[in-house]
Structures are given as C-alpha cells and as structure tokens.
C-alpha cells in the first residue's frame, strides 16, 4: 500500500507538471459549444493547496537535481526502481498498471527517483559532524547483542510462556512452537540487534539491554507504528555487551548515527533547503505562486525573529521561575 501511495503522489506530481509546462493551446477536451484547454485546467487548479505544494516540491527537487544530480549514478536509480517494483509485485499488484494509473512511464518514474536521490545527496553534502553530535549519539548507543525472543499476541499468553520458562521450559523449543515472529521462530527465536535496529521495538530493546547473559525478561508490551496494536515479547539474553567508557572503538557507528540524527532534524533540513534555494535565485513568474517559497527561504530578518522568539520564551521561563521562587520565599516567611 505504501508504494502504491507513492506512485499515486507521483501521478499527481506529473499531471500538474504537464498542466504547468504544456502549451496553453493544447486541448484536453472538446464538446459542442466549447473546449477545455491545458491553460483552462492550469488556471483552475493552480491556486489549490495541493497544487501549491506540488509546485513547491517541483522547485526544490529541480534545484537539488541541478546541483547534485551529477552525484547520482544510474545504478542507484535502477536499484531504487527495482526495489519499488518488487515491493508492489510482492503485494500482488501489477507494477506496469500502477505506473500507468499514476500517469508515469519507466523513464519519468526513474527521473523522479533520480531527483529524490539528488535531494538526499544535497542534504548529506551539508552534514558536518561535531564532537557534540558524536557525544549525543553515544548517550543512546548500545552495541550489538545476541538474544532470543518470543513474540505473542496477548498478555495472558506471554505470562503463561514466562511461567513455562521459569519452570524449566526450553526457550528455543517454545519459540518455534509459539512465537509469531516469522523471521526468528524457525531458529529458536535467535536475533541480533543494537540500539539502531528498527526491526525490534524500542520497548524490547530497552528492556533487553538491561539483561545479563542467560537472564530472561518479564513479558514486555510493545505497540506497532500505528500505536493501536500491541504485541508481547519475552527476551532471553545470550550475549550482552557493555559499551564501556571509550567511544573510539565505535566511532564509525557513532558517526553514522549522528548523520542519521542530523538528516532527521527538521531545523537542519529547512536550513539546507533555504540555502540552496537562495543560491539558486528562485523567482516566481506567476502571481498565483508569489508567496510560495517564503516559508522555505530563511532571511536574516526571519532568523532574528526566531532567535528573538527563543530569547523571549527563555526570558519568560526565567521570570516565571523567579516569581515562583519569590512566592515560595514569601510563603515560608509567612509560615514562620
């Protein structure tokens, strides 16, 4: 479903691109007493919120592609294309039909993939990792551990399994029989993961890292990405590893984590986009889009405004804190 939605969004992107870039004299439809041209369509849809967002996206991708597209190889584009095709095929859908429904061809879809990769390359080009970034990554870091897990659907079932294990039950055997985790159950629940692993829920990792070798956890409740559906896990730690106090052996991993954190930081990405759009000297030629980029391009005045806002909030908190202290002091004096 996710890949289908991506193609649907790409379809909207390509339709508006056609409307915006085709000659206005081209007719979309004819009928008795009139025609509907590309120009008619463009004038009708250009002021809608969706169209504004699409044009904004088109401009950003065009700017990044112009500067960083040379850093994207055909091999990378093909790999992403094949990944998308496999994902849709695995869902039982026809990839070629999905492309057609989205108004795309193999060539136009690959061009959009290339632009997306160029955008990512542009963000990465601005990443500069500091010692402070590495220290932040280190605080949440835990090296890879070896463990076994059993995943079940209900709390009652997890409690029953925990009882069986306490009474001497074989973890691997129970995992093969009862676990709903298809990826690990065949191997007796064996898994390896570290603090960055996304296939193991955060609640499970947090509990697992506290276990000693051979120790079995209590049932752990973890919710899925939607936050609505819960599963229950029991973890047996096979080989835990403390990170110690020396960052040096893990510097490569920490740098990668810090880069991921930076690329996920909205403030960072907004600054990069603003800098690239400013350098590209983007000018809007249609009044319908006159203020379109104002929320993306940061000026010195807008930076001052943000800094001022932050300072005001900080001063306000400081004043509130002082008032609270004064009030507390007066209360103490009164009680004396």
Protein backbone atom coordinates (compact mmCIF):
# COMPACT_ATOMS: atom_id res chain seq x y z
CA UNK A 1 0.00 0.00 0.00
CA UNK A 2 2.82 2.40 0.81
CA UNK A 3 4.40 2.01 -2.63
CA UNK A 4 1.02 2.41 -4.31
CA UNK A 5 0.52 5.67 -2.46
CA UNK A 6 3.97 6.84 -3.56
CA UNK A 7 3.05 6.19 -7.18
CA UNK A 8 -0.27 7.94 -6.71
CA UNK A 9 1.50 11.02 -5.36
CA UNK A 10 3.95 10.84 -8.24
CA UNK A 11 0.98 10.75 -10.58
CA UNK A 12 -0.43 14.00 -9.16
CA UNK A 13 3.04 15.49 -9.48
CA UNK A 14 3.31 14.55 -13.16
CA UNK A 15 -0.23 15.71 -14.04
CA UNK A 16 0.39 19.18 -12.64
CA UNK A 17 3.79 19.28 -14.33
CA UNK A 18 2.02 18.64 -17.63
CA UNK A 19 -0.53 21.38 -16.94
CA UNK A 20 2.12 23.88 -15.93
CA UNK A 21 4.60 23.16 -18.71
CA UNK A 22 2.47 22.29 -21.76
CA UNK A 23 1.41 24.93 -24.26
CA UNK A 24 -1.86 26.59 -23.33
CA UNK A 25 -3.23 25.99 -26.81
CA UNK A 26 -3.34 22.22 -26.30
CA UNK A 27 -6.91 20.98 -25.81
CA UNK A 28 -7.78 18.45 -23.13
CA UNK A 29 -11.37 18.00 -24.26
CA UNK A 30 -13.74 19.30 -26.90
CA UNK A 31 -17.52 19.41 -26.86
CA UNK A 32 -20.42 21.13 -28.54
CA UNK A 33 -20.05 24.80 -27.83
CA UNK A 34 -16.54 24.80 -26.38
CA UNK A 35 -13.23 23.25 -25.37
CA UNK A 36 -11.19 22.76 -22.22
CA UNK A 37 -7.52 23.52 -22.79
CA UNK A 38 -4.45 22.85 -20.70
CA UNK A 39 -4.48 26.57 -19.94
CA UNK A 40 -8.06 26.34 -18.63
CA UNK A 41 -7.08 23.42 -16.43
CA UNK A 42 -3.96 25.15 -15.16
CA UNK A 43 -5.83 28.33 -14.23
CA UNK A 44 -8.47 26.27 -12.44
CA UNK A 45 -6.11 24.20 -10.28
CA UNK A 46 -3.05 26.39 -9.73
CA UNK A 47 -4.38 28.13 -6.61
CA UNK A 48 -5.38 24.95 -4.78
CA UNK A 49 -3.33 23.93 -1.75
CA UNK A 50 -2.33 20.63 -3.35
CA UNK A 51 -1.08 22.38 -6.50
CA UNK A 52 0.89 24.89 -4.46
CA UNK A 53 2.56 22.06 -2.56
CA UNK A 54 3.35 20.20 -5.78
CA UNK A 55 4.96 23.26 -7.38
CA UNK A 56 6.96 23.88 -4.21
CA UNK A 57 8.19 20.28 -4.32
CA UNK A 58 8.98 20.55 -8.03
CA UNK A 59 11.11 23.64 -7.43
CA UNK A 60 13.03 22.11 -4.51
CA UNK A 61 13.71 18.88 -6.42
CA UNK A 62 14.69 20.80 -9.58
CA UNK A 63 17.18 22.93 -7.64
CA UNK A 64 18.76 19.94 -5.89
CA UNK A 65 18.80 17.87 -9.09
CA UNK A 66 20.54 20.70 -10.94
CA UNK A 67 23.33 20.86 -8.37
CA UNK A 68 23.62 17.31 -7.04
CA UNK A 69 22.11 15.16 -9.81
CA UNK A 70 25.60 14.50 -11.17
CA UNK A 71 26.37 12.65 -7.92
CA UNK A 72 23.56 10.14 -8.53
CA UNK A 73 24.51 7.10 -10.60
CA UNK A 74 22.25 5.16 -12.96
CA UNK A 75 22.98 2.12 -10.82
CA UNK A 76 21.48 3.81 -7.75
CA UNK A 77 18.38 4.85 -9.69
CA UNK A 78 17.92 1.35 -11.09
CA UNK A 79 18.28 -0.19 -7.62
CA UNK A 80 15.53 2.07 -6.23
CA UNK A 81 13.34 1.38 -9.26
CA UNK A 82 13.77 -2.39 -8.83
CA UNK A 83 13.06 -2.09 -5.10
CA UNK A 84 9.80 -0.24 -5.79
CA UNK A 85 8.80 -2.72 -8.48
CA UNK A 86 9.47 -5.71 -6.21
CA UNK A 87 7.52 -4.16 -3.33
CA UNK A 88 4.43 -3.59 -5.48
CA UNK A 89 4.71 -7.01 -7.13
CA UNK A 90 5.02 -8.66 -3.70
CA UNK A 91 1.70 -7.00 -2.79
CA UNK A 92 0.09 -8.81 -5.70
CA UNK A 93 -0.27 -5.72 -7.89
CA UNK A 94 0.94 -5.17 -11.45
CA UNK A 95 3.75 -2.62 -11.48
CA UNK A 96 3.19 -1.51 -15.09
CA UNK A 97 -0.50 -0.92 -14.35
CA UNK A 98 0.43 1.14 -11.29
CA UNK A 99 2.73 3.29 -13.41
CA UNK A 100 0.01 3.89 -15.98
CA UNK A 101 -2.56 4.77 -13.31
CA UNK A 102 -0.10 7.31 -11.92
CA UNK A 103 0.45 8.80 -15.37
CA UNK A 104 4.07 7.67 -15.39
CA UNK A 105 6.39 5.77 -17.67
CA UNK A 106 9.54 3.91 -16.68
CA UNK A 107 11.58 6.90 -17.86
CA UNK A 108 9.58 9.57 -16.00
CA UNK A 109 9.44 7.50 -12.81
CA UNK A 110 13.20 6.98 -12.90
CA UNK A 111 13.64 10.72 -13.35
CA UNK A 112 11.61 11.33 -10.19
CA UNK A 113 13.68 8.71 -8.36
CA UNK A 114 16.84 10.49 -9.50
CA UNK A 115 15.53 13.81 -8.21
CA UNK A 116 14.73 12.25 -4.84
CA UNK A 117 18.24 10.79 -4.61
CA UNK A 118 19.75 14.15 -5.64
CA UNK A 119 17.77 15.82 -2.84
CA UNK A 120 19.16 13.27 -0.35
CA UNK A 121 22.69 13.78 -1.71
CA UNK A 122 22.28 17.54 -1.26
CA UNK A 123 21.26 17.16 2.37
CA UNK A 124 24.16 14.79 3.04
CA UNK A 125 26.61 17.24 1.44
CA UNK A 126 25.75 19.77 4.16
CA UNK A 127 26.24 17.35 7.07
CA UNK A 128 29.16 18.29 9.32
CA UNK A 129 29.52 16.08 12.38
CA UNK A 130 30.87 17.72 15.55
CA UNK A 131 32.17 16.19 18.78
CA UNK A 132 28.90 17.26 20.40
CA UNK A 133 26.96 15.28 17.77
CA UNK A 134 29.06 12.19 18.49
CA UNK A 135 28.53 12.57 22.24
CA UNK A 136 24.76 12.81 21.72
CA UNK A 137 24.84 9.64 19.61
CA UNK A 138 26.98 7.93 22.27
CA UNK A 139 24.46 8.60 25.04
CA UNK A 140 21.77 6.47 23.34
CA UNK A 141 24.15 3.92 21.81
CA UNK A 142 24.31 0.24 22.75
CA UNK A 143 26.49 -2.28 20.88
CA UNK A 144 25.02 -5.29 19.12
CA UNK A 145 23.74 -8.08 21.37
CA UNK A 146 22.78 -11.70 20.75
CA UNK A 147 19.44 -12.77 22.17
CA UNK A 148 16.35 -14.93 21.69
CA UNK A 149 12.82 -13.58 21.53
CA UNK A 150 9.32 -14.97 21.71
CA UNK A 151 6.53 -12.76 20.37
CA UNK A 152 2.84 -13.44 21.07
CA UNK A 153 -0.42 -11.56 20.66
CA UNK A 154 -1.83 -11.46 24.19
CA UNK A 155 -0.61 -10.66 27.68
CA UNK A 156 -2.12 -13.86 29.11
CA UNK A 157 -0.21 -15.99 26.61
CA UNK A 158 3.04 -14.18 27.40
CA UNK A 159 2.52 -14.77 31.15
CA UNK A 160 1.86 -18.47 30.55
CA UNK A 161 5.04 -18.78 28.47
CA UNK A 162 7.03 -16.95 31.15
CA UNK A 163 5.76 -19.46 33.70
CA UNK A 164 6.80 -22.37 31.47
CA UNK A 165 10.29 -20.90 31.14
CA UNK A 166 10.56 -20.33 34.90
CA UNK A 167 9.61 -23.99 35.40
CA UNK A 168 12.49 -25.08 33.16
CA UNK A 169 10.95 -24.92 29.68
CA UNK A 170 13.28 -24.81 26.67
CA UNK A 171 13.29 -21.29 25.21
CA UNK A 172 14.18 -22.34 21.66
CA UNK A 173 11.54 -25.06 21.56
CA UNK A 174 8.80 -22.76 22.86
CA UNK A 175 9.84 -20.05 20.39
CA UNK A 176 9.49 -22.48 17.48
CA UNK A 177 6.06 -23.57 18.70
CA UNK A 178 4.52 -20.33 19.97
CA UNK A 179 6.31 -17.25 18.61
CA UNK A 180 4.53 -15.17 15.97
CA UNK A 181 7.79 -13.57 14.80
CA UNK A 182 8.27 -15.32 11.46
CA UNK A 183 11.81 -14.02 11.00
CA UNK A 184 13.22 -15.65 14.13
CA UNK A 185 10.94 -18.50 15.24
CA UNK A 186 12.46 -21.12 12.91
CA UNK A 187 15.83 -20.52 14.54
CA UNK A 188 14.52 -20.75 18.08
CA UNK A 189 13.99 -17.01 18.37
CA UNK A 190 17.65 -16.09 17.75
CA UNK A 191 18.21 -12.42 16.89
CA UNK A 192 20.99 -9.85 16.85
CA UNK A 193 20.28 -6.16 17.33
CA UNK A 194 21.78 -2.91 18.57
CA UNK A 195 20.32 0.43 19.63
CA UNK A 196 19.74 1.45 15.99
CA UNK A 197 17.95 -1.71 14.83
CA UNK A 198 14.47 -0.82 13.60
CA UNK A 199 13.05 -4.35 13.33
CA UNK A 200 12.98 -4.73 17.13
CA UNK A 201 10.57 -2.44 19.06
CA UNK A 202 12.16 0.25 21.22
CA UNK A 203 10.49 -1.10 24.38
CA UNK A 204 12.01 -4.53 23.73
CA UNK A 205 15.49 -3.15 23.11
CA UNK A 206 15.36 -1.01 26.24
CA UNK A 207 14.43 -3.99 28.42
CA UNK A 208 16.84 -6.37 26.70
CA UNK A 209 19.90 -4.15 27.17
CA UNK A 210 19.38 -4.33 30.96
CA UNK A 211 19.56 -8.15 31.00
CA UNK A 212 22.61 -10.17 31.96
CA UNK A 213 23.74 -13.18 29.91
CA UNK A 214 21.29 -16.06 30.40
CA UNK A 215 18.65 -13.86 32.04
CA UNK A 216 15.04 -13.94 30.81
CA UNK A 217 12.84 -10.85 30.85
CA UNK A 218 9.33 -10.42 32.13
CA UNK A 219 6.68 -10.01 29.38
CA UNK A 220 7.26 -6.74 27.51
CA UNK A 221 4.39 -4.89 25.86
CA UNK A 222 5.23 -3.11 22.60
CA UNK A 223 2.94 -1.22 20.22
CA UNK A 224 3.27 -1.11 16.45
CA UNK A 225 3.90 2.01 14.39
CA UNK A 226 0.21 2.97 14.46
CA UNK A 227 0.16 2.93 18.25
CA UNK A 228 -3.01 0.84 18.30
CA UNK A 229 -1.92 -2.80 18.12
CA UNK A 230 0.19 -4.36 20.87
CA UNK A 231 2.32 -7.47 20.95
CA UNK A 232 4.05 -9.09 23.90
CA UNK A 233 7.68 -10.18 23.96
CA UNK A 234 9.87 -12.31 26.18
CA UNK A 235 13.62 -11.93 25.72
CA UNK A 236 16.44 -14.21 26.75
CA UNK A 237 19.82 -12.51 26.65
CA UNK A 238 22.50 -14.74 25.16
CA UNK A 239 25.41 -12.32 24.93
CA UNK A 240 25.17 -8.74 26.13
CA UNK A 241 27.99 -6.26 25.70
CA UNK A 242 28.53 -3.10 27.69
CA UNK A 243 29.78 -0.16 25.65
CA UNK A 244 32.19 0.95 28.38
CA UNK A 245 33.53 4.48 28.55
CA UNK A 246 35.63 4.63 25.38
CA UNK A 247 33.92 5.94 22.25
CA UNK A 248 36.89 5.23 19.97
CA UNK A 249 36.06 1.58 19.03
CA UNK A 250 32.56 2.66 17.93
CA UNK A 251 33.42 5.92 16.18
CA UNK A 252 32.32 4.63 12.76
CA UNK A 253 28.91 3.54 14.05
CA UNK A 254 28.51 6.73 16.07
CA UNK A 255 29.27 8.88 13.04
CA UNK A 256 26.60 7.05 11.07
CA UNK A 257 24.08 7.51 13.89
CA UNK A 258 24.95 11.20 14.18
CA UNK A 259 24.48 11.65 10.42
CA UNK A 260 21.07 9.95 10.60
CA UNK A 261 20.08 12.18 13.52
CA UNK A 262 21.17 15.27 11.60
CA UNK A 263 19.25 14.28 8.46
CA UNK A 264 16.15 13.70 10.61
CA UNK A 265 16.44 17.14 12.20
CA UNK A 266 13.80 19.42 10.67
CA UNK A 267 15.74 22.57 11.57
CA UNK A 268 18.78 21.25 9.70
CA UNK A 269 16.85 20.26 6.56
CA UNK A 270 14.98 23.58 6.49
CA UNK A 271 18.28 25.47 6.67
CA UNK A 272 19.79 23.41 3.83
CA UNK A 273 16.74 23.90 1.61
CA UNK A 274 16.74 27.63 2.34
CA UNK A 275 20.44 27.97 1.49
CA UNK A 276 20.10 26.03 -1.76
CA UNK A 277 17.01 27.95 -2.90
CA UNK A 278 18.70 31.25 -2.09
CA UNK A 279 21.81 30.26 -4.05
CA UNK A 280 19.65 29.15 -7.00
CA UNK A 281 17.97 32.60 -7.02
CA UNK A 282 14.44 31.19 -7.39
CA UNK A 283 11.99 33.74 -8.80
CA UNK A 284 8.25 33.14 -9.18
CA UNK A 285 6.86 34.28 -12.56
CA UNK A 286 3.19 33.62 -11.86
CA UNK A 287 1.43 35.80 -9.26
CA UNK A 288 -0.56 32.77 -8.11
CA UNK A 289 2.67 31.46 -6.58
CA UNK A 290 4.13 34.77 -5.42
CA UNK A 291 4.45 33.83 -1.74
CA UNK A 292 5.04 30.14 -2.29
CA UNK A 293 8.67 29.97 -1.20
CA UNK A 294 8.51 32.45 1.68
CA UNK A 295 8.14 29.67 4.26
CA UNK A 296 11.16 27.81 2.83
CA UNK A 297 13.65 30.63 2.35
CA UNK A 298 15.03 31.97 5.61
CA UNK A 299 16.14 35.60 5.59
CA UNK A 300 18.29 37.37 8.16
CA UNK A 301 15.14 39.04 9.48
CA UNK A 302 13.37 35.69 9.89
CA UNK A 303 16.43 34.28 11.69
CA UNK A 304 16.48 37.29 14.01
CA UNK A 305 12.76 36.81 14.62
CA UNK A 306 13.31 33.15 15.55
CA UNK A 307 16.22 34.00 17.82
CA UNK A 308 14.18 36.78 19.42
CA UNK A 309 11.24 34.41 19.94
CA UNK A 310 13.53 31.85 21.57
CA UNK A 311 15.05 34.54 23.79
CA UNK A 312 11.60 35.80 24.81
CA UNK A 313 10.50 32.29 25.72
CA UNK A 314 13.70 31.76 27.70
CA UNK A 315 13.33 35.11 29.50
CA UNK A 316 9.66 34.34 30.20
CA UNK A 317 10.57 30.98 31.73
CA UNK A 318 13.30 32.65 33.77
CA UNK A 319 10.86 35.30 35.05
CA UNK A 320 8.27 32.66 35.90
CA UNK A 321 10.94 30.74 37.77
CA UNK A 322 11.96 33.85 39.72
CA UNK A 323 8.32 34.61 40.54
CA UNK A 324 7.87 31.05 41.75
CA UNK A 325 10.94 31.37 43.98
CA UNK A 326 9.74 34.72 45.38
CA UNK A 327 6.31 33.31 46.06
CA UNK A 328 7.85 30.30 47.78
CA UNK A 329 10.06 32.53 49.92
CA UNK A 330 7.10 34.68 50.96
CA UNK A 331 5.10 31.58 51.86
CA UNK A 332 7.99 30.31 54.02
CA UNK A 333 8.30 33.72 55.75
CA UNK A 334 4.56 33.78 56.39
CA UNK A 335 4.58 30.29 57.87
CA UNK A 336 7.36 31.36 60.26
